[in-house]
Amino acid sequence: MNLSEQLRAYRIKNGLSQTDVSNIMHISRQSISKWEHGTITPSIENLKELSKIYHVSLDVLLENEANVEKSYKNNSTLLLVMTAVCAIIPVIDLIGPIYILKVNNKGNGHYKLIKYMNYISFIISILSYIYGYFLSKSLFK
């Protein structure tokens, strides 16, 4: 259960309406609604107050939320990070883009960005190796 679902569940468990909670906290009912729908996340101060109102620790409220943030819903973020690493470390840059292009799928959120960054990274890598080869030939005659 994520944070928004937990907020709603604890409010209902305590027999409170959104209006009741908003009156206790001196904020709008719409804010409570947005928190419970996951549109926005309450500030840490508001979370502390909610934990007191709902008679539950702040750790319990945030426990599942932390687990969700740790896990990736898809691998697009990981692939984006790998692409950046490949661009920074030239040795990996020859093998990395090929692997990333193979694993990258059209369903992830950064598909096109990852695809084009890897093409550019691979081309730059090849050009830098060619340049390095000719530079070394001219320096060590």
Protein backbone atom coordinates (compact mmCIF):
# COMPACT_ATOMS: atom_id res chain seq x y z
CA MET A 1 0.00 0.00 0.00
CA ASN A 2 1.48 3.38 -0.96
CA LEU A 3 1.35 6.56 1.09
CA SER A 4 -1.84 7.95 -0.46
CA GLU A 5 -3.70 4.68 0.13
CA GLN A 6 -2.41 4.51 3.70
CA LEU A 7 -3.54 8.06 4.45
CA ARG A 8 -7.05 7.25 3.28
CA ALA A 9 -7.13 3.91 5.13
CA TYR A 10 -5.99 5.43 8.44
CA ARG A 11 -8.46 8.32 8.10
CA ILE A 12 -11.34 5.91 7.57
CA LYS A 13 -10.06 3.59 10.34
CA ASN A 14 -10.21 6.54 12.74
CA GLY A 15 -13.76 7.39 11.63
CA LEU A 16 -12.82 10.79 10.20
CA SER A 17 -13.94 12.50 7.04
CA GLN A 18 -11.65 14.60 4.86
CA THR A 19 -13.43 17.66 6.22
CA ASP A 20 -12.75 16.55 9.81
CA VAL A 21 -9.03 16.14 9.11
CA SER A 22 -8.85 19.44 7.22
CA ASN A 23 -10.53 21.25 10.12
CA ILE A 24 -8.15 19.72 12.66
CA MET A 25 -5.13 20.66 10.53
CA HIS A 26 -6.50 24.08 9.46
CA ILE A 27 -6.01 23.35 5.76
CA SER A 28 -8.39 22.87 2.83
CA ARG A 29 -10.28 19.65 2.28
CA GLN A 30 -8.91 19.65 -1.27
CA SER A 31 -5.39 19.21 0.11
CA ILE A 32 -6.48 16.07 1.97
CA SER A 33 -8.14 14.80 -1.20
CA LYS A 34 -5.00 15.44 -3.28
CA TRP A 35 -2.86 13.59 -0.72
CA GLU A 36 -5.20 10.62 -0.73
CA HIS A 37 -5.33 10.50 -4.53
CA GLY A 38 -1.55 10.76 -4.81
CA THR A 39 -1.70 13.99 -6.80
CA ILE A 40 0.62 15.70 -4.31
CA THR A 41 2.59 14.51 -1.29
CA PRO A 42 2.12 16.15 2.09
CA SER A 43 5.06 18.01 3.60
CA ILE A 44 6.96 16.39 6.44
CA GLU A 45 5.27 18.74 8.91
CA ASN A 46 1.85 17.69 7.65
CA LEU A 47 2.86 14.02 7.79
CA LYS A 48 3.89 14.45 11.42
CA GLU A 49 0.52 16.00 12.23
CA LEU A 50 -1.34 13.28 10.32
CA SER A 51 0.55 10.59 12.23
CA LYS A 52 -0.66 12.15 15.50
CA ILE A 53 -4.26 12.46 14.26
CA TYR A 54 -4.29 8.86 13.00
CA HIS A 55 -2.42 7.50 16.07
CA VAL A 56 0.28 5.86 13.98
CA SER A 57 4.02 6.48 13.81
CA LEU A 58 5.56 8.42 10.96
CA ASP A 59 7.74 5.41 10.19
CA VAL A 60 4.69 3.26 9.59
CA LEU A 61 3.20 5.84 7.22
CA LEU A 62 6.41 6.14 5.20
CA GLU A 63 7.56 2.50 5.35
CA ASN A 64 5.94 1.25 2.13
CA GLU A 65 6.61 4.52 0.32
CA ALA A 66 10.35 4.07 0.84
CA ASN A 67 10.18 0.53 -0.56
CA VAL A 68 8.34 1.72 -3.66
CA GLU A 69 10.94 4.41 -4.32
CA LYS A 70 13.75 1.87 -4.07
CA SER A 71 12.29 -0.45 -6.66
CA TYR A 72 12.17 0.52 -10.34
CA LYS A 73 8.81 0.21 -12.03
CA ASN A 74 10.66 -0.30 -15.30
CA ASN A 75 14.28 -0.31 -16.28
CA SER A 76 14.29 2.97 -18.22
CA THR A 77 15.92 4.92 -15.39
CA LEU A 78 18.60 2.26 -14.97
CA LEU A 79 19.27 2.25 -18.71
CA LEU A 80 19.52 6.04 -18.71
CA VAL A 81 22.12 5.89 -15.92
CA MET A 82 24.04 3.18 -17.76
CA THR A 83 24.04 5.34 -20.88
CA ALA A 84 25.52 8.25 -18.96
CA VAL A 85 28.21 5.99 -17.47
CA CYS A 86 29.08 4.66 -20.91
CA ALA A 87 29.45 8.20 -22.20
CA ILE A 88 31.82 9.06 -19.34
CA ILE A 89 34.01 5.94 -19.38
CA PRO A 90 35.41 5.35 -22.89
CA VAL A 91 36.41 1.70 -22.36
CA ILE A 92 32.86 0.68 -21.59
CA ASP A 93 31.61 2.89 -24.39
CA LEU A 94 32.19 0.32 -27.10
CA ILE A 95 30.34 -2.54 -25.43
CA GLY A 96 27.82 -0.64 -23.29
CA PRO A 97 25.78 1.01 -26.04
CA ILE A 98 25.35 -2.26 -27.90
CA TYR A 99 24.06 -3.99 -24.76
CA ILE A 100 21.83 -1.06 -23.80
CA LEU A 101 20.32 -0.87 -27.30
CA LYS A 102 19.54 -4.59 -27.10
CA VAL A 103 17.84 -4.30 -23.70
CA ASN A 104 16.07 -0.98 -24.40
CA ASN A 105 12.43 -1.48 -25.35
CA LYS A 106 9.79 0.85 -26.72
CA GLY A 107 7.68 0.50 -23.58
CA ASN A 108 9.98 2.46 -21.29
CA GLY A 109 9.67 6.18 -20.78
CA HIS A 110 13.10 7.13 -22.08
CA TYR A 111 13.25 4.86 -25.16
CA LYS A 112 14.11 7.48 -27.79
CA LEU A 113 16.46 9.42 -25.53
CA ILE A 114 18.38 6.25 -24.64
CA LYS A 115 18.46 5.13 -28.26
CA TYR A 116 19.86 8.40 -29.64
CA MET A 117 22.27 8.95 -26.76
CA ASN A 118 23.71 5.49 -27.37
CA TYR A 119 24.10 6.07 -31.11
CA ILE A 120 25.90 9.35 -30.45
CA SER A 121 27.99 7.81 -27.67
CA PHE A 122 29.04 4.89 -29.87
CA ILE A 123 29.97 7.15 -32.79
CA ILE A 124 31.97 9.48 -30.55
CA SER A 125 33.75 6.51 -29.04
CA ILE A 126 34.70 5.09 -32.43
CA LEU A 127 35.90 8.51 -33.60
CA SER A 128 37.96 9.02 -30.45
CA TYR A 129 39.63 5.62 -30.87
CA ILE A 130 40.40 6.38 -34.53
CA TYR A 131 41.74 9.83 -33.59
CA GLY A 132 43.82 8.29 -30.79
CA TYR A 133 45.24 5.71 -33.17
CA PHE A 134 46.36 8.30 -35.75
CA LEU A 135 47.59 10.67 -33.04
CA SER A 136 49.74 7.93 -31.53
CA LYS A 137 51.10 7.06 -34.99
CA SER A 138 52.18 10.65 -35.55
CA LEU A 139 53.67 11.06 -32.07
CA PHE A 140 55.69 7.84 -32.09
CA LYS A 141 57.30 7.97 -35.57
